[in-house]
Amino acid sequence: MISNDSKLIPQNEEQEHLVQMLLAKLQGIPVEYWSTVYYKWLDSNHDAITASATYRIKPTFNPETSLTERPEGV
């Protein structure tokens, strides 16, 4: 039986990533999600995160990095 007073911890890498994205949003760090409609990264301006979306911390501008690079597995 799980106690209600225990801390919740991520159970796998996917959950850990979603927790990091939620923390980033709460701390005002820009987050992007991969749009499967437009096939590019878009700003995640809403408060919620969706388990089915692919998120990342918005990168700072780097001329050697493509900001529209497709994530693995999409």
Protein backbone atom coordinates (compact mmCIF):
# COMPACT_ATOMS: atom_id res chain seq x y z
CA MET A 1 0.00 0.00 0.00
CA ILE A 2 1.28 3.47 -0.91
CA SER A 3 1.21 6.06 1.83
CA ASN A 4 -0.36 9.44 1.01
CA ASP A 5 2.43 11.23 2.88
CA SER A 6 5.19 9.85 0.65
CA LYS A 7 6.75 11.96 -2.08
CA LEU A 8 5.89 11.24 -5.68
CA ILE A 9 8.93 10.45 -7.78
CA PRO A 10 9.22 9.89 -11.53
CA GLN A 11 9.15 6.21 -12.42
CA ASN A 12 11.01 6.42 -15.75
CA GLU A 13 12.89 8.81 -18.06
CA GLU A 14 9.71 10.02 -19.78
CA GLN A 15 8.13 11.01 -16.47
CA GLU A 16 11.38 12.67 -15.36
CA HIS A 17 11.43 14.71 -18.59
CA LEU A 18 7.83 15.85 -18.13
CA VAL A 19 8.58 16.86 -14.53
CA GLN A 20 11.58 18.90 -15.75
CA MET A 21 9.42 20.63 -18.40
CA LEU A 22 6.75 21.46 -15.82
CA LEU A 23 9.38 22.85 -13.44
CA ALA A 24 10.88 24.91 -16.27
CA LYS A 25 7.47 26.40 -17.07
CA LEU A 26 6.80 27.15 -13.38
CA GLN A 27 10.19 28.87 -13.11
CA GLY A 28 9.65 30.99 -16.23
CA ILE A 29 12.10 29.14 -18.47
CA PRO A 30 10.85 29.09 -22.09
CA VAL A 31 9.67 25.67 -23.26
CA GLU A 32 8.84 24.50 -26.79
CA TYR A 33 6.83 21.57 -28.11
CA TRP A 34 7.12 19.72 -31.42
CA SER A 35 4.12 20.47 -33.64
CA THR A 36 3.05 17.40 -35.61
CA VAL A 37 0.86 19.73 -37.70
CA TYR A 38 3.55 22.27 -38.71
CA TYR A 39 6.60 19.98 -38.26
CA LYS A 40 8.53 22.53 -36.25
CA TRP A 41 9.14 23.59 -32.66
CA LEU A 42 6.56 26.07 -31.31
CA ASP A 43 6.47 28.04 -28.06
CA SER A 44 4.57 26.27 -25.31
CA ASN A 45 2.64 29.26 -23.96
CA HIS A 46 -0.08 27.36 -22.10
CA ASP A 47 0.17 26.28 -18.46
CA ALA A 48 -0.51 22.59 -19.05
CA ILE A 49 1.75 19.91 -20.46
CA THR A 50 0.49 16.86 -22.35
CA ALA A 51 2.05 13.43 -21.96
CA SER A 52 1.74 12.77 -25.70
CA ALA A 53 3.68 15.90 -26.76
CA THR A 54 7.45 16.20 -27.16
CA TYR A 55 8.92 19.13 -25.19
CA ARG A 56 12.30 20.77 -24.83
CA ILE A 57 13.82 23.80 -23.15
CA LYS A 58 13.86 26.54 -25.78
CA PRO A 59 17.44 26.77 -27.02
CA THR A 60 19.33 30.01 -27.15
CA PHE A 61 20.24 31.08 -30.67
CA ASN A 62 23.13 29.14 -32.12
CA PRO A 63 23.80 29.58 -35.86
CA GLU A 64 25.14 26.01 -36.01
CA THR A 65 21.92 24.50 -34.61
CA SER A 66 18.71 24.18 -36.57
CA LEU A 67 15.73 25.30 -34.49
CA THR A 68 13.45 23.16 -36.67
CA GLU A 69 15.40 19.94 -36.17
CA ARG A 70 12.95 17.04 -35.97
CA PRO A 71 13.05 15.14 -32.65
CA GLU A 72 13.90 11.44 -32.62
CA GLY A 73 10.97 9.10 -33.01
CA VAL A 74 8.58 11.68 -34.50
